[in-house]
Amino acid sequence: GGTLGIFFATAFAVKGHKVVVLEAGKLQGREQEWNISYNEMEELLELGVLSQEDIDATITTEFPGCRSGFKNKEVTPL
């Protein structure tokens, strides 16, 4: 669902698949920075969902990869 679901729907449509998106309200992305790695964006580039110009125009913050945890333990999502 959400923004990622729209990217997948677009990728499938670009590949020639028929796609239907059902949404109860207005179809829109979220107004917040989306954390995505450059490698993940390159996959969208290879699928034809984004252009290099799209990627260059949308990157607002860059930082080196990191891993976080609490008291030397990784936390598994619920």
N, C-alpha and C. Protein backbone atom coordinates (compact mmCIF):
# COMPACT_ATOMS: atom_id res chain seq x y z
N GLY A 1 0.80 -1.18 0.00
CA GLY A 1 0.00 0.00 0.00
C GLY A 1 0.86 1.26 0.00
N GLY A 2 0.21 2.39 0.04
CA GLY A 2 0.89 3.67 0.12
C GLY A 2 1.74 3.98 -1.09
N THR A 3 2.72 4.82 -0.87
CA THR A 3 3.60 5.27 -1.95
C THR A 3 4.31 4.10 -2.61
N LEU A 4 4.79 3.16 -1.82
CA LEU A 4 5.49 2.01 -2.38
C LEU A 4 4.56 1.19 -3.29
N GLY A 5 3.31 1.04 -2.87
CA GLY A 5 2.34 0.33 -3.70
C GLY A 5 2.11 1.01 -5.04
N ILE A 6 2.10 2.34 -5.04
CA ILE A 6 1.94 3.09 -6.29
C ILE A 6 3.15 2.86 -7.19
N PHE A 7 4.36 2.83 -6.59
CA PHE A 7 5.56 2.54 -7.39
C PHE A 7 5.46 1.15 -8.02
N PHE A 8 5.02 0.15 -7.24
CA PHE A 8 4.88 -1.19 -7.79
C PHE A 8 3.84 -1.23 -8.90
N ALA A 9 2.71 -0.57 -8.68
CA ALA A 9 1.66 -0.53 -9.70
C ALA A 9 2.20 0.10 -10.99
N THR A 10 2.96 1.18 -10.84
CA THR A 10 3.54 1.84 -12.01
C THR A 10 4.53 0.93 -12.71
N ALA A 11 5.36 0.24 -11.95
CA ALA A 11 6.35 -0.67 -12.54
C ALA A 11 5.66 -1.78 -13.33
N PHE A 12 4.60 -2.36 -12.77
CA PHE A 12 3.87 -3.40 -13.48
C PHE A 12 3.22 -2.85 -14.75
N ALA A 13 2.65 -1.65 -14.66
CA ALA A 13 2.02 -1.03 -15.84
C ALA A 13 3.05 -0.75 -16.93
N VAL A 14 4.23 -0.26 -16.53
CA VAL A 14 5.30 0.02 -17.50
C VAL A 14 5.72 -1.27 -18.21
N LYS A 15 5.67 -2.39 -17.48
CA LYS A 15 6.05 -3.68 -18.07
C LYS A 15 4.92 -4.28 -18.92
N GLY A 16 3.78 -3.58 -19.02
CA GLY A 16 2.70 -4.05 -19.88
C GLY A 16 1.59 -4.80 -19.16
N HIS A 17 1.67 -4.91 -17.84
CA HIS A 17 0.62 -5.59 -17.09
C HIS A 17 -0.56 -4.65 -16.87
N LYS A 18 -1.75 -5.22 -16.81
CA LYS A 18 -2.93 -4.43 -16.48
C LYS A 18 -2.95 -4.26 -14.96
N VAL A 19 -3.16 -3.04 -14.50
CA VAL A 19 -3.10 -2.73 -13.07
C VAL A 19 -4.34 -1.96 -12.66
N VAL A 20 -4.88 -2.32 -11.52
CA VAL A 20 -5.98 -1.57 -10.93
C VAL A 20 -5.55 -1.17 -9.52
N VAL A 21 -5.72 0.11 -9.20
CA VAL A 21 -5.42 0.60 -7.86
C VAL A 21 -6.73 1.03 -7.22
N LEU A 22 -7.04 0.44 -6.07
CA LEU A 22 -8.26 0.80 -5.35
C LEU A 22 -7.87 1.61 -4.12
N GLU A 23 -8.51 2.75 -3.96
CA GLU A 23 -8.21 3.62 -2.83
C GLU A 23 -9.53 4.25 -2.39
N ALA A 24 -9.77 4.25 -1.09
CA ALA A 24 -11.02 4.81 -0.56
C ALA A 24 -11.09 6.33 -0.73
N GLY A 25 -9.94 6.98 -0.63
CA GLY A 25 -9.91 8.44 -0.75
C GLY A 25 -9.11 8.87 -1.96
N LYS A 26 -8.64 10.10 -1.91
CA LYS A 26 -7.81 10.64 -2.98
C LYS A 26 -6.49 9.89 -3.04
N LEU A 27 -6.08 9.51 -4.24
CA LEU A 27 -4.82 8.79 -4.43
C LEU A 27 -3.67 9.79 -4.37
N GLN A 28 -2.84 9.69 -3.35
CA GLN A 28 -1.74 10.62 -3.19
C GLN A 28 -0.67 10.02 -2.31
N GLY A 29 0.52 10.52 -2.45
CA GLY A 29 1.62 10.09 -1.59
C GLY A 29 1.59 10.87 -0.28
N ARG A 30 2.50 10.51 0.58
CA ARG A 30 2.59 11.20 1.87
C ARG A 30 3.50 12.41 1.75
N GLU A 31 3.21 13.44 2.50
CA GLU A 31 4.03 14.64 2.49
C GLU A 31 5.11 14.55 3.55
N GLN A 32 6.04 13.67 3.34
CA GLN A 32 7.17 13.52 4.24
C GLN A 32 8.32 12.91 3.46
N GLU A 33 9.50 13.04 4.01
CA GLU A 33 10.66 12.45 3.36
C GLU A 33 10.53 10.93 3.46
N TRP A 34 10.81 10.27 2.36
CA TRP A 34 10.71 8.81 2.32
C TRP A 34 12.11 8.25 2.37
N ASN A 35 12.38 7.39 3.33
CA ASN A 35 13.69 6.78 3.46
C ASN A 35 13.80 5.61 2.49
N ILE A 36 14.62 5.78 1.50
CA ILE A 36 14.86 4.74 0.50
C ILE A 36 16.34 4.81 0.15
N SER A 37 16.93 3.64 -0.03
CA SER A 37 18.35 3.63 -0.38
C SER A 37 18.53 3.96 -1.85
N TYR A 38 19.73 4.39 -2.19
CA TYR A 38 20.02 4.69 -3.59
C TYR A 38 19.90 3.42 -4.42
N ASN A 39 20.30 2.27 -3.86
CA ASN A 39 20.18 1.00 -4.60
C ASN A 39 18.72 0.69 -4.91
N GLU A 40 17.83 0.97 -3.96
CA GLU A 40 16.40 0.74 -4.22
C GLU A 40 15.89 1.68 -5.30
N MET A 41 16.36 2.92 -5.30
CA MET A 41 15.95 3.86 -6.34
C MET A 41 16.49 3.43 -7.70
N GLU A 42 17.69 2.87 -7.72
CA GLU A 42 18.25 2.39 -8.99
C GLU A 42 17.40 1.25 -9.56
N GLU A 43 16.81 0.42 -8.69
CA GLU A 43 15.93 -0.64 -9.18
C GLU A 43 14.71 -0.04 -9.87
N LEU A 44 14.17 1.05 -9.30
CA LEU A 44 13.04 1.73 -9.93
C LEU A 44 13.46 2.37 -11.25
N LEU A 45 14.70 2.82 -11.33
CA LEU A 45 15.25 3.36 -12.57
C LEU A 45 15.33 2.26 -13.63
N GLU A 46 15.85 1.10 -13.25
CA GLU A 46 15.97 -0.02 -14.19
C GLU A 46 14.61 -0.50 -14.67
N LEU A 47 13.58 -0.40 -13.82
CA LEU A 47 12.23 -0.82 -14.21
C LEU A 47 11.54 0.22 -15.09
N GLY A 48 12.13 1.40 -15.20
CA GLY A 48 11.52 2.45 -16.00
C GLY A 48 10.49 3.27 -15.25
N VAL A 49 10.39 3.06 -13.94
CA VAL A 49 9.42 3.81 -13.13
C VAL A 49 9.92 5.24 -12.90
N LEU A 50 11.22 5.38 -12.66
CA LEU A 50 11.84 6.69 -12.46
C LEU A 50 12.91 6.91 -13.51
N SER A 51 13.16 8.15 -13.84
CA SER A 51 14.29 8.50 -14.70
C SER A 51 15.43 8.99 -13.81
N GLN A 52 16.62 9.10 -14.36
CA GLN A 52 17.73 9.64 -13.58
C GLN A 52 17.44 11.06 -13.15
N GLU A 53 16.75 11.81 -14.01
CA GLU A 53 16.37 13.17 -13.67
C GLU A 53 15.41 13.20 -12.48
N ASP A 54 14.47 12.23 -12.44
CA ASP A 54 13.55 12.13 -11.30
C ASP A 54 14.33 11.90 -10.01
N ILE A 55 15.29 10.98 -10.06
CA ILE A 55 16.09 10.66 -8.88
C ILE A 55 16.88 11.87 -8.44
N ASP A 56 17.54 12.52 -9.38
CA ASP A 56 18.36 13.70 -9.03
C ASP A 56 17.51 14.80 -8.42
N ALA A 57 16.28 14.96 -8.89
CA ALA A 57 15.41 16.03 -8.41
C ALA A 57 14.78 15.72 -7.05
N THR A 58 14.71 14.45 -6.69
CA THR A 58 13.98 14.10 -5.47
C THR A 58 14.86 13.86 -4.25
N ILE A 59 16.14 13.64 -4.43
CA ILE A 59 17.01 13.39 -3.28
C ILE A 59 17.19 14.70 -2.51
N THR A 60 16.73 14.70 -1.27
CA THR A 60 16.83 15.90 -0.44
C THR A 60 17.85 15.75 0.67
N THR A 61 18.09 14.54 1.12
CA THR A 61 19.02 14.30 2.22
C THR A 61 19.81 13.04 1.92
N GLU A 62 21.09 13.09 2.11
CA GLU A 62 21.94 11.90 1.95
C GLU A 62 22.73 11.70 3.23
N PHE A 63 22.85 10.44 3.63
CA PHE A 63 23.67 10.12 4.79
C PHE A 63 24.21 8.70 4.62
N PRO A 64 25.35 8.40 5.25
CA PRO A 64 25.92 7.07 5.11
C PRO A 64 25.03 6.04 5.80
N GLY A 65 25.11 4.81 5.33
CA GLY A 65 24.33 3.74 5.93
C GLY A 65 24.66 3.57 7.40
N CYS A 66 23.66 3.16 8.16
CA CYS A 66 23.88 2.95 9.58
C CYS A 66 22.94 1.86 10.08
N ARG A 67 23.22 1.37 11.25
CA ARG A 67 22.38 0.36 11.88
C ARG A 67 22.14 0.81 13.30
N SER A 68 20.93 0.69 13.78
CA SER A 68 20.67 1.08 15.16
C SER A 68 20.08 -0.07 15.96
N GLY A 69 20.27 0.01 17.23
CA GLY A 69 19.74 -1.00 18.14
C GLY A 69 19.67 -0.42 19.53
N PHE A 70 19.22 -1.23 20.47
CA PHE A 70 19.06 -0.79 21.84
C PHE A 70 19.79 -1.76 22.75
N LYS A 71 20.71 -1.24 23.55
CA LYS A 71 21.46 -2.04 24.52
C LYS A 71 22.09 -3.27 23.87
N ASN A 72 22.72 -3.05 22.70
CA ASN A 72 23.39 -4.11 21.95
C ASN A 72 22.47 -5.23 21.49
N LYS A 73 21.19 -4.95 21.36
CA LYS A 73 20.23 -5.95 20.87
C LYS A 73 19.48 -5.36 19.69
N GLU A 74 19.29 -6.15 18.69
CA GLU A 74 18.46 -5.70 17.58
C GLU A 74 17.00 -5.92 17.95
N VAL A 75 16.16 -5.04 17.53
CA VAL A 75 14.74 -5.13 17.85
C VAL A 75 14.01 -5.64 16.63
N THR A 76 13.25 -6.72 16.82
CA THR A 76 12.45 -7.27 15.74
C THR A 76 11.10 -6.59 15.73
N PRO A 77 10.65 -6.11 14.57
CA PRO A 77 9.33 -5.47 14.52
C PRO A 77 8.24 -6.42 14.96
N LEU A 78 7.17 -5.87 15.50
CA LEU A 78 6.03 -6.69 15.95
C LEU A 78 5.36 -7.36 14.80
